[in-house]
Full PDB file with SEQRES, HELIX, SHEET, SSBOND, CRYST1, ORIGX, SCALE, CONECT and MASTER records, all heavy atoms in Angstrom:
SEQRES   1 A   35  GLY GLU LYS LEU GLU ALA MET VAL ARG ASP VAL CYS LYS          
SEQRES   2 A   35  PRO ASN GLU PHE GLU ARG TYR MET MET PHE ILE GLY ASP          
SEQRES   3 A   35  LEU GLU LYS VAL VAL SER LEU LEU LEU                          
HELIX    1 AA1 GLU A    2  VAL A   11  1                                  10    
HELIX    2 AA2 PRO A   14  LEU A   34  1                                  21    
CRYST1    1.000    1.000    1.000  90.00  90.00  90.00 P 1           1          
ORIGX1      1.000000  0.000000  0.000000        0.00000                         
ORIGX2      0.000000  1.000000  0.000000        0.00000                         
ORIGX3      0.000000  0.000000  1.000000        0.00000                         
SCALE1      1.000000  0.000000  0.000000        0.00000                         
SCALE2      0.000000  1.000000  0.000000        0.00000                         
SCALE3      0.000000  0.000000  1.000000        0.00000                         
ATOM      1  N   GLY A   1       0.815  -1.213   0.000  1.00  0.00           N  
ATOM      2  CA  GLY A   1       0.000   0.000   0.000  1.00  0.00           C  
ATOM      3  C   GLY A   1       0.848   1.261   0.000  1.00  0.00           C  
ATOM      4  O   GLY A   1       0.498   2.256  -0.648  1.00  0.00           O  
ATOM      5  N   GLU A   2       1.979   1.221   0.722  1.00  0.00           N  
ATOM      6  CA  GLU A   2       2.880   2.379   0.746  1.00  0.00           C  
ATOM      7  C   GLU A   2       3.492   2.624  -0.633  1.00  0.00           C  
ATOM      8  O   GLU A   2       3.621   3.781  -1.059  1.00  0.00           O  
ATOM      9  CB  GLU A   2       3.974   2.173   1.791  1.00  0.00           C  
ATOM     10  CG  GLU A   2       3.464   2.250   3.223  1.00  0.00           C  
ATOM     11  CD  GLU A   2       4.488   1.846   4.265  1.00  0.00           C  
ATOM     12  OE1 GLU A   2       5.675   1.658   3.911  1.00  0.00           O  
ATOM     13  OE2 GLU A   2       4.096   1.700   5.431  1.00  0.00           O  
ATOM     14  N   LYS A   3       3.850   1.537  -1.333  1.00  0.00           N  
ATOM     15  CA  LYS A   3       4.400   1.682  -2.686  1.00  0.00           C  
ATOM     16  C   LYS A   3       3.342   2.239  -3.638  1.00  0.00           C  
ATOM     17  O   LYS A   3       3.627   3.112  -4.469  1.00  0.00           O  
ATOM     18  CB  LYS A   3       4.914   0.337  -3.198  1.00  0.00           C  
ATOM     19  CG  LYS A   3       6.145  -0.165  -2.472  1.00  0.00           C  
ATOM     20  CD  LYS A   3       6.531  -1.550  -2.939  1.00  0.00           C  
ATOM     21  CE  LYS A   3       7.662  -2.106  -2.073  1.00  0.00           C  
ATOM     22  NZ  LYS A   3       7.854  -3.535  -2.296  1.00  0.00           N  
ATOM     23  N   LEU A   4       2.128   1.722  -3.492  1.00  0.00           N  
ATOM     24  CA  LEU A   4       1.018   2.190  -4.315  1.00  0.00           C  
ATOM     25  C   LEU A   4       0.753   3.669  -4.041  1.00  0.00           C  
ATOM     26  O   LEU A   4       0.554   4.470  -4.969  1.00  0.00           O  
ATOM     27  CB  LEU A   4      -0.225   1.344  -4.002  1.00  0.00           C  
ATOM     28  CG  LEU A   4      -1.391   1.370  -4.958  1.00  0.00           C  
ATOM     29  CD1 LEU A   4      -0.963   0.956  -6.358  1.00  0.00           C  
ATOM     30  CD2 LEU A   4      -2.482   0.438  -4.454  1.00  0.00           C  
ATOM     31  N   GLU A   5       0.790   4.042  -2.768  1.00  0.00           N  
ATOM     32  CA  GLU A   5       0.579   5.436  -2.369  1.00  0.00           C  
ATOM     33  C   GLU A   5       1.622   6.352  -3.020  1.00  0.00           C  
ATOM     34  O   GLU A   5       1.280   7.429  -3.540  1.00  0.00           O  
ATOM     35  CB  GLU A   5       0.668   5.539  -0.851  1.00  0.00           C  
ATOM     36  CG  GLU A   5       0.539   6.928  -0.287  1.00  0.00           C  
ATOM     37  CD  GLU A   5       0.733   6.956   1.211  1.00  0.00           C  
ATOM     38  OE1 GLU A   5       0.329   5.992   1.906  1.00  0.00           O  
ATOM     39  OE2 GLU A   5       1.294   7.954   1.696  1.00  0.00           O  
ATOM     40  N   ALA A   6       2.879   5.940  -3.004  1.00  0.00           N  
ATOM     41  CA  ALA A   6       3.954   6.746  -3.606  1.00  0.00           C  
ATOM     42  C   ALA A   6       3.714   6.918  -5.105  1.00  0.00           C  
ATOM     43  O   ALA A   6       3.892   8.019  -5.647  1.00  0.00           O  
ATOM     44  CB  ALA A   6       5.307   6.093  -3.342  1.00  0.00           C  
ATOM     45  N   MET A   7       3.296   5.829  -5.758  1.00  0.00           N  
ATOM     46  CA  MET A   7       3.036   5.905  -7.191  1.00  0.00           C  
ATOM     47  C   MET A   7       1.872   6.863  -7.476  1.00  0.00           C  
ATOM     48  O   MET A   7       1.947   7.704  -8.378  1.00  0.00           O  
ATOM     49  CB  MET A   7       2.714   4.516  -7.749  1.00  0.00           C  
ATOM     50  CG  MET A   7       2.434   4.520  -9.238  1.00  0.00           C  
ATOM     51  SD  MET A   7       2.048   2.896  -9.911  1.00  0.00           S  
ATOM     52  CE  MET A   7       0.596   2.439  -9.012  1.00  0.00           C  
ATOM     53  N   VAL A   8       0.801   6.752  -6.686  1.00  0.00           N  
ATOM     54  CA  VAL A   8      -0.376   7.607  -6.881  1.00  0.00           C  
ATOM     55  C   VAL A   8       0.009   9.069  -6.625  1.00  0.00           C  
ATOM     56  O   VAL A   8      -0.413   9.962  -7.364  1.00  0.00           O  
ATOM     57  CB  VAL A   8      -1.545   7.151  -5.969  1.00  0.00           C  
ATOM     58  CG1 VAL A   8      -2.681   8.166  -5.985  1.00  0.00           C  
ATOM     59  CG2 VAL A   8      -2.059   5.780  -6.401  1.00  0.00           C  
ATOM     60  N   ARG A   9       0.823   9.323  -5.600  1.00  0.00           N  
ATOM     61  CA  ARG A   9       1.272  10.689  -5.298  1.00  0.00           C  
ATOM     62  C   ARG A   9       2.026  11.275  -6.502  1.00  0.00           C  
ATOM     63  O   ARG A   9       1.854  12.438  -6.833  1.00  0.00           O  
ATOM     64  CB  ARG A   9       2.169  10.710  -4.064  1.00  0.00           C  
ATOM     65  CG  ARG A   9       2.638  12.135  -3.712  1.00  0.00           C  
ATOM     66  CD  ARG A   9       3.640  12.203  -2.571  1.00  0.00           C  
ATOM     67  NE  ARG A   9       3.114  11.695  -1.326  1.00  0.00           N  
ATOM     68  CZ  ARG A   9       3.571  10.601  -0.706  1.00  0.00           C  
ATOM     69  NH1 ARG A   9       4.572   9.906  -1.219  1.00  0.00           N  
ATOM     70  NH2 ARG A   9       3.052  10.212   0.430  1.00  0.00           N  
ATOM     71  N   ASP A  10       2.843  10.436  -7.142  1.00  0.00           N  
ATOM     72  CA  ASP A  10       3.652  10.898  -8.279  1.00  0.00           C  
ATOM     73  C   ASP A  10       2.821  11.244  -9.511  1.00  0.00           C  
ATOM     74  O   ASP A  10       3.184  12.158 -10.257  1.00  0.00           O  
ATOM     75  CB  ASP A  10       4.693   9.842  -8.663  1.00  0.00           C  
ATOM     76  CG  ASP A  10       5.796   9.699  -7.633  1.00  0.00           C  
ATOM     77  OD1 ASP A  10       5.952  10.610  -6.786  1.00  0.00           O  
ATOM     78  OD2 ASP A  10       6.494   8.667  -7.664  1.00  0.00           O  
ATOM     79  N   VAL A  11       1.732  10.518  -9.740  1.00  0.00           N  
ATOM     80  CA  VAL A  11       0.995  10.703 -10.997  1.00  0.00           C  
ATOM     81  C   VAL A  11      -0.253  11.580 -10.883  1.00  0.00           C  
ATOM     82  O   VAL A  11      -0.675  12.160 -11.886  1.00  0.00           O  
ATOM     83  CB  VAL A  11       0.611   9.340 -11.643  1.00  0.00           C  
ATOM     84  CG1 VAL A  11       1.844   8.534 -11.965  1.00  0.00           C  
ATOM     85  CG2 VAL A  11      -0.368   8.559 -10.779  1.00  0.00           C  
ATOM     86  N   CYS A  12      -0.810  11.701  -9.689  1.00  0.00           N  
ATOM     87  CA  CYS A  12      -2.074  12.435  -9.537  1.00  0.00           C  
ATOM     88  C   CYS A  12      -1.847  13.885  -9.106  1.00  0.00           C  
ATOM     89  O   CYS A  12      -0.796  14.236  -8.576  1.00  0.00           O  
ATOM     90  CB  CYS A  12      -2.957  11.761  -8.486  1.00  0.00           C  
ATOM     91  SG  CYS A  12      -3.647  10.198  -9.012  1.00  0.00           S  
ATOM     92  N   LYS A  13      -2.861  14.703  -9.324  1.00  0.00           N  
ATOM     93  CA  LYS A  13      -2.869  16.071  -8.798  1.00  0.00           C  
ATOM     94  C   LYS A  13      -3.040  15.987  -7.284  1.00  0.00           C  
ATOM     95  O   LYS A  13      -3.600  15.006  -6.776  1.00  0.00           O  
ATOM     96  CB  LYS A  13      -4.036  16.856  -9.409  1.00  0.00           C  
ATOM     97  CG  LYS A  13      -3.943  17.023 -10.912  1.00  0.00           C  
ATOM     98  CD  LYS A  13      -5.195  17.687 -11.440  1.00  0.00           C  
ATOM     99  CE  LYS A  13      -5.205  17.682 -12.960  1.00  0.00           C  
ATOM    100  NZ  LYS A  13      -6.530  17.996 -13.497  1.00  0.00           N  
ATOM    101  N   PRO A  14      -2.590  17.018  -6.557  1.00  0.00           N  
ATOM    102  CA  PRO A  14      -2.680  16.978  -5.077  1.00  0.00           C  
ATOM    103  C   PRO A  14      -4.094  16.706  -4.544  1.00  0.00           C  
ATOM    104  O   PRO A  14      -4.262  15.913  -3.621  1.00  0.00           O  
ATOM    105  CB  PRO A  14      -2.185  18.363  -4.661  1.00  0.00           C  
ATOM    106  CG  PRO A  14      -1.262  18.777  -5.756  1.00  0.00           C  
ATOM    107  CD  PRO A  14      -1.859  18.208  -7.020  1.00  0.00           C  
ATOM    108  N   ASN A  15      -5.117  17.337  -5.133  1.00  0.00           N  
ATOM    109  CA  ASN A  15      -6.480  17.103  -4.630  1.00  0.00           C  
ATOM    110  C   ASN A  15      -6.953  15.676  -4.921  1.00  0.00           C  
ATOM    111  O   ASN A  15      -7.691  15.074  -4.130  1.00  0.00           O  
ATOM    112  CB  ASN A  15      -7.459  18.128  -5.204  1.00  0.00           C  
ATOM    113  CG  ASN A  15      -7.609  18.036  -6.707  1.00  0.00           C  
ATOM    114  OD1 ASN A  15      -6.671  17.685  -7.432  1.00  0.00           O  
ATOM    115  ND2 ASN A  15      -8.815  18.357  -7.178  1.00  0.00           N  
ATOM    116  N   GLU A  16      -6.501  15.101  -6.035  1.00  0.00           N  
ATOM    117  CA  GLU A  16      -6.865  13.714  -6.364  1.00  0.00           C  
ATOM    118  C   GLU A  16      -6.155  12.748  -5.414  1.00  0.00           C  
ATOM    119  O   GLU A  16      -6.747  11.764  -4.959  1.00  0.00           O  
ATOM    120  CB  GLU A  16      -6.497  13.396  -7.811  1.00  0.00           C  
ATOM    121  CG  GLU A  16      -7.311  14.193  -8.823  1.00  0.00           C  
ATOM    122  CD  GLU A  16      -6.773  14.085 -10.239  1.00  0.00           C  
ATOM    123  OE1 GLU A  16      -5.545  13.933 -10.422  1.00  0.00           O  
ATOM    124  OE2 GLU A  16      -7.606  14.156 -11.165  1.00  0.00           O  
ATOM    125  N   PHE A  17      -4.894  13.056  -5.128  1.00  0.00           N  
ATOM    126  CA  PHE A  17      -4.145  12.227  -4.179  1.00  0.00           C  
ATOM    127  C   PHE A  17      -4.808  12.275  -2.804  1.00  0.00           C  
ATOM    128  O   PHE A  17      -4.919  11.259  -2.121  1.00  0.00           O  
ATOM    129  CB  PHE A  17      -2.686  12.693  -4.094  1.00  0.00           C  
ATOM    130  CG  PHE A  17      -1.888  11.956  -3.071  1.00  0.00           C  
ATOM    131  CD1 PHE A  17      -1.575  10.608  -3.243  1.00  0.00           C  
ATOM    132  CD2 PHE A  17      -1.458  12.589  -1.915  1.00  0.00           C  
ATOM    133  CE1 PHE A  17      -0.848   9.910  -2.290  1.00  0.00           C  
ATOM    134  CE2 PHE A  17      -0.730  11.905  -0.951  1.00  0.00           C  
ATOM    135  CZ  PHE A  17      -0.423  10.567  -1.139  1.00  0.00           C  
ATOM    136  N   GLU A  18      -5.269  13.448  -2.423  1.00  0.00           N  
ATOM    137  CA  GLU A  18      -5.952  13.609  -1.125  1.00  0.00           C  
ATOM    138  C   GLU A  18      -7.221  12.740  -1.073  1.00  0.00           C  
ATOM    139  O   GLU A  18      -7.505  12.103  -0.059  1.00  0.00           O  
ATOM    140  CB  GLU A  18      -6.301  15.082  -0.913  1.00  0.00           C  
ATOM    141  CG  GLU A  18      -6.827  15.401   0.461  1.00  0.00           C  
ATOM    142  CD  GLU A  18      -5.811  15.148   1.567  1.00  0.00           C  
ATOM    143  OE1 GLU A  18      -4.602  15.361   1.345  1.00  0.00           O  
ATOM    144  OE2 GLU A  18      -6.238  14.706   2.651  1.00  0.00           O  
ATOM    145  N   ARG A  19      -7.954  12.708  -2.173  1.00  0.00           N  
ATOM    146  CA  ARG A  19      -9.158  11.854  -2.236  1.00  0.00           C  
ATOM    147  C   ARG A  19      -8.786  10.383  -2.067  1.00  0.00           C  
ATOM    148  O   ARG A  19      -9.462   9.629  -1.379  1.00  0.00           O  
ATOM    149  CB  ARG A  19      -9.874  12.027  -3.574  1.00  0.00           C  
ATOM    150  CG  ARG A  19     -10.765  13.230  -3.627  1.00  0.00           C  
ATOM    151  CD  ARG A  19     -11.508  13.204  -4.924  1.00  0.00           C  
ATOM    152  NE  ARG A  19     -12.922  13.086  -4.610  1.00  0.00           N  
ATOM    153  CZ  ARG A  19     -13.874  13.560  -5.376  1.00  0.00           C  
ATOM    154  NH1 ARG A  19     -13.587  14.154  -6.502  1.00  0.00           N  
ATOM    155  NH2 ARG A  19     -15.129  13.423  -5.029  1.00  0.00           N  
ATOM    156  N   TYR A  20      -7.721   9.987  -2.746  1.00  0.00           N  
ATOM    157  CA  TYR A  20      -7.236   8.610  -2.636  1.00  0.00           C  
ATOM    158  C   TYR A  20      -6.887   8.290  -1.185  1.00  0.00           C  
ATOM    159  O   TYR A  20      -7.308   7.263  -0.651  1.00  0.00           O  
ATOM    160  CB  TYR A  20      -6.005   8.419  -3.546  1.00  0.00           C  
ATOM    161  CG  TYR A  20      -5.288   7.112  -3.314  1.00  0.00           C  
ATOM    162  CD1 TYR A  20      -5.742   5.940  -3.911  1.00  0.00           C  
ATOM    163  CD2 TYR A  20      -4.178   7.041  -2.477  1.00  0.00           C  
ATOM    164  CE1 TYR A  20      -5.097   4.728  -3.697  1.00  0.00           C  
ATOM    165  CE2 TYR A  20      -3.528   5.830  -2.253  1.00  0.00           C  
ATOM    166  CZ  TYR A  20      -3.989   4.682  -2.860  1.00  0.00           C  
ATOM    167  OH  TYR A  20      -3.357   3.485  -2.619  1.00  0.00           O  
ATOM    168  N   MET A  21      -6.118   9.163  -0.551  1.00  0.00           N  
ATOM    169  CA  MET A  21      -5.678   8.921   0.827  1.00  0.00           C  
ATOM    170  C   MET A  21      -6.868   8.879   1.791  1.00  0.00           C  
ATOM    171  O   MET A  21      -6.903   8.039   2.702  1.00  0.00           O  
ATOM    172  CB  MET A  21      -4.676  10.001   1.273  1.00  0.00           C  
ATOM    173  CG  MET A  21      -3.334   9.895   0.575  1.00  0.00           C  
ATOM    174  SD  MET A  21      -2.556   8.271   0.761  1.00  0.00           S  
ATOM    175  CE  MET A  21      -2.283   8.232   2.522  1.00  0.00           C  
ATOM    176  N   MET A  22      -7.832   9.760   1.595  1.00  0.00           N  
ATOM    177  CA  MET A  22      -9.023   9.748   2.463  1.00  0.00           C  
ATOM    178  C   MET A  22      -9.797   8.439   2.285  1.00  0.00           C  
ATOM    179  O   MET A  22     -10.247   7.852   3.262  1.00  0.00           O  
ATOM    180  CB  MET A  22      -9.911  10.953   2.171  1.00  0.00           C  
ATOM    181  CG  MET A  22      -9.348  12.239   2.742  1.00  0.00           C  
ATOM    182  SD  MET A  22     -10.414  13.657   2.448  1.00  0.00           S  
ATOM    183  CE  MET A  22     -11.864  13.195   3.367  1.00  0.00           C  
ATOM    184  N   PHE A  23      -9.917   8.001   1.031  1.00  0.00           N  
ATOM    185  CA  PHE A  23     -10.626   6.744   0.792  1.00  0.00           C  
ATOM    186  C   PHE A  23      -9.916   5.582   1.471  1.00  0.00           C  
ATOM    187  O   PHE A  23     -10.546   4.787   2.179  1.00  0.00           O  
ATOM    188  CB  PHE A  23     -10.763   6.462  -0.720  1.00  0.00           C  
ATOM    189  CG  PHE A  23     -11.131   5.042  -0.997  1.00  0.00           C  
ATOM    190  CD1 PHE A  23     -12.403   4.567  -0.707  1.00  0.00           C  
ATOM    191  CD2 PHE A  23     -10.199   4.145  -1.490  1.00  0.00           C  
ATOM    192  CE1 PHE A  23     -12.739   3.238  -0.908  1.00  0.00           C  
ATOM    193  CE2 PHE A  23     -10.527   2.817  -1.701  1.00  0.00           C  
ATOM    194  CZ  PHE A  23     -11.795   2.367  -1.414  1.00  0.00           C  
ATOM    195  N   ILE A  24      -8.608   5.453   1.290  1.00  0.00           N  
ATOM    196  CA  ILE A  24      -7.856   4.340   1.875  1.00  0.00           C  
ATOM    197  C   ILE A  24      -7.949   4.377   3.398  1.00  0.00           C  
ATOM    198  O   ILE A  24      -8.140   3.346   4.054  1.00  0.00           O  
ATOM    199  CB  ILE A  24      -6.378   4.356   1.408  1.00  0.00           C  
ATOM    200  CG1 ILE A  24      -6.282   4.097  -0.104  1.00  0.00           C  
ATOM    201  CG2 ILE A  24      -5.538   3.351   2.184  1.00  0.00           C  
ATOM    202  CD1 ILE A  24      -6.797   2.743  -0.559  1.00  0.00           C  
ATOM    203  N   GLY A  25      -7.833   5.562   3.984  1.00  0.00           N  
ATOM    204  CA  GLY A  25      -7.950   5.695   5.440  1.00  0.00           C  
ATOM    205  C   GLY A  25      -9.333   5.312   5.942  1.00  0.00           C  
ATOM    206  O   GLY A  25      -9.472   4.621   6.960  1.00  0.00           O  
ATOM    207  N   ASP A  26     -10.350   5.763   5.233  1.00  0.00           N  
ATOM    208  CA  ASP A  26     -11.722   5.473   5.651  1.00  0.00           C  
ATOM    209  C   ASP A  26     -12.101   4.016   5.420  1.00  0.00           C  
ATOM    210  O   ASP A  26     -12.958   3.481   6.114  1.00  0.00           O  
ATOM    211  CB  ASP A  26     -12.708   6.391   4.926  1.00  0.00           C  
ATOM    212  CG  ASP A  26     -12.614   7.837   5.399  1.00  0.00           C  
ATOM    213  OD1 ASP A  26     -11.927   8.091   6.415  1.00  0.00           O  
ATOM    214  OD2 ASP A  26     -13.208   8.718   4.746  1.00  0.00           O  
ATOM    215  N   LEU A  27     -11.473   3.381   4.435  1.00  0.00           N  
ATOM    216  CA  LEU A  27     -11.766   1.973   4.150  1.00  0.00           C  
ATOM    217  C   LEU A  27     -11.582   1.121   5.404  1.00  0.00           C  
ATOM    218  O   LEU A  27     -12.480   0.379   5.812  1.00  0.00           O  
ATOM    219  CB  LEU A  27     -10.851   1.465   3.025  1.00  0.00           C  
ATOM    220  CG  LEU A  27     -10.928  -0.025   2.697  1.00  0.00           C  
ATOM    221  CD1 LEU A  27     -12.283  -0.362   2.091  1.00  0.00           C  
ATOM    222  CD2 LEU A  27      -9.813  -0.413   1.735  1.00  0.00           C  
ATOM    223  N   GLU A  28     -10.430   1.245   6.027  1.00  0.00           N  
ATOM    224  CA  GLU A  28     -10.150   0.456   7.227  1.00  0.00           C  
ATOM    225  C   GLU A  28     -11.110   0.806   8.359  1.00  0.00           C  
ATOM    226  O   GLU A  28     -11.636  -0.073   9.041  1.00  0.00           O  
ATOM    227  CB  GLU A  28      -8.707   0.669   7.663  1.00  0.00           C  
ATOM    228  CG  GLU A  28      -8.301  -0.241   8.796  1.00  0.00           C  
ATOM    229  CD  GLU A  28      -6.803  -0.259   9.033  1.00  0.00           C  
ATOM    230  OE1 GLU A  28      -6.024   0.139   8.145  1.00  0.00           O  
ATOM    231  OE2 GLU A  28      -6.424  -0.704  10.127  1.00  0.00           O  
ATOM    232  N   LYS A  29     -11.371   2.097   8.548  1.00  0.00           N  
ATOM    233  CA  LYS A  29     -12.252   2.530   9.638  1.00  0.00           C  
ATOM    234  C   LYS A  29     -13.672   1.996   9.469  1.00  0.00           C  
ATOM    235  O   LYS A  29     -14.265   1.478  10.412  1.00  0.00           O  
ATOM    236  CB  LYS A  29     -12.284   4.058   9.721  1.00  0.00           C  
ATOM    237  CG  LYS A  29     -10.984   4.674  10.164  1.00  0.00           C  
ATOM    238  CD  LYS A  29     -11.048   6.193  10.056  1.00  0.00           C  
ATOM    239  CE  LYS A  29      -9.673   6.792  10.208  1.00  0.00           C  
ATOM    240  NZ  LYS A  29      -9.613   8.168   9.715  1.00  0.00           N  
ATOM    241  N   VAL A  30     -14.209   2.124   8.256  1.00  0.00           N  
ATOM    242  CA  VAL A  30     -15.603   1.719   8.020  1.00  0.00           C  
ATOM    243  C   VAL A  30     -15.758   0.195   8.094  1.00  0.00           C  
ATOM    244  O   VAL A  30     -16.697  -0.305   8.719  1.00  0.00           O  
ATOM    245  CB  VAL A  30     -16.123   2.279   6.677  1.00  0.00           C  
ATOM    246  CG1 VAL A  30     -17.485   1.693   6.327  1.00  0.00           C  
ATOM    247  CG2 VAL A  30     -16.209   3.802   6.740  1.00  0.00           C  
ATOM    248  N   VAL A  31     -14.830  -0.536   7.497  1.00  0.00           N  
ATOM    249  CA  VAL A  31     -14.903  -2.001   7.548  1.00  0.00           C  
ATOM    250  C   VAL A  31     -14.768  -2.476   8.999  1.00  0.00           C  
ATOM    251  O   VAL A  31     -15.533  -3.326   9.462  1.00  0.00           O  
ATOM    252  CB  VAL A  31     -13.835  -2.652   6.639  1.00  0.00           C  
ATOM    253  CG1 VAL A  31     -13.743  -4.151   6.881  1.00  0.00           C  
ATOM    254  CG2 VAL A  31     -14.162  -2.377   5.175  1.00  0.00           C  
ATOM    255  N   SER A  32     -13.835  -1.898   9.740  1.00  0.00           N  
ATOM    256  CA  SER A  32     -13.652  -2.276  11.148  1.00  0.00           C  
ATOM    257  C   SER A  32     -14.895  -1.951  11.968  1.00  0.00           C  
ATOM    258  O   SER A  32     -15.309  -2.742  12.819  1.00  0.00           O  
ATOM    259  CB  SER A  32     -12.435  -1.567  11.746  1.00  0.00           C  
ATOM    260  OG  SER A  32     -11.255  -2.012  11.126  1.00  0.00           O  
ATOM    261  N   LEU A  33     -15.486  -0.792  11.718  1.00  0.00           N  
ATOM    262  CA  LEU A  33     -16.709  -0.403  12.430  1.00  0.00           C  
ATOM    263  C   LEU A  33     -17.838  -1.392  12.160  1.00  0.00           C  
ATOM    264  O   LEU A  33     -18.513  -1.856  13.084  1.00  0.00           O  
ATOM    265  CB  LEU A  33     -17.134   1.008  12.022  1.00  0.00           C  
ATOM    266  CG  LEU A  33     -18.451   1.515  12.609  1.00  0.00           C  
ATOM    267  CD1 LEU A  33     -18.352   1.647  14.127  1.00  0.00           C  
ATOM    268  CD2 LEU A  33     -18.833   2.850  11.978  1.00  0.00           C  
ATOM    269  N   LEU A  34     -18.026  -1.730  10.889  1.00  0.00           N  
ATOM    270  CA  LEU A  34     -19.082  -2.686  10.528  1.00  0.00           C  
ATOM    271  C   LEU A  34     -18.869  -4.041  11.194  1.00  0.00           C  
ATOM    272  O   LEU A  34     -19.804  -4.641  11.726  1.00  0.00           O  
ATOM    273  CB  LEU A  34     -19.117  -2.865   9.011  1.00  0.00           C  
ATOM    274  CG  LEU A  34     -20.244  -2.203   8.255  1.00  0.00           C  
ATOM    275  CD1 LEU A  34     -20.052  -2.376   6.762  1.00  0.00           C  
ATOM    276  CD2 LEU A  34     -21.595  -2.670   8.686  1.00  0.00           C  
ATOM    277  N   LEU A  35     -17.633  -4.514  11.169  1.00  0.00           N  
ATOM    278  CA  LEU A  35     -17.326  -5.807  11.779  1.00  0.00           C  
ATOM    279  C   LEU A  35     -17.554  -5.773  13.289  1.00  0.00           C  
ATOM    280  O   LEU A  35     -18.124  -6.708  13.859  1.00  0.00           O  
ATOM    281  CB  LEU A  35     -15.880  -6.213  11.473  1.00  0.00           C  
ATOM    282  CG  LEU A  35     -15.561  -6.512  10.016  1.00  0.00           C  
ATOM    283  CD1 LEU A  35     -14.059  -6.680   9.819  1.00  0.00           C  
ATOM    284  CD2 LEU A  35     -16.304  -7.748   9.548  1.00  0.00           C  
TER     285      LEU A  35                                                      
MASTER        0    0    0    2    0    0    0    6  284    1    0    3          
END                                                                             
């Protein structure tokens, strides 16, 4: 995931990268909450 994050940071605009990071962060939180 860290390697993927670095690649996404390199190719995306800052606001798009921010969306990606928020999604990845929320993924764990929401799945854990549901479980």
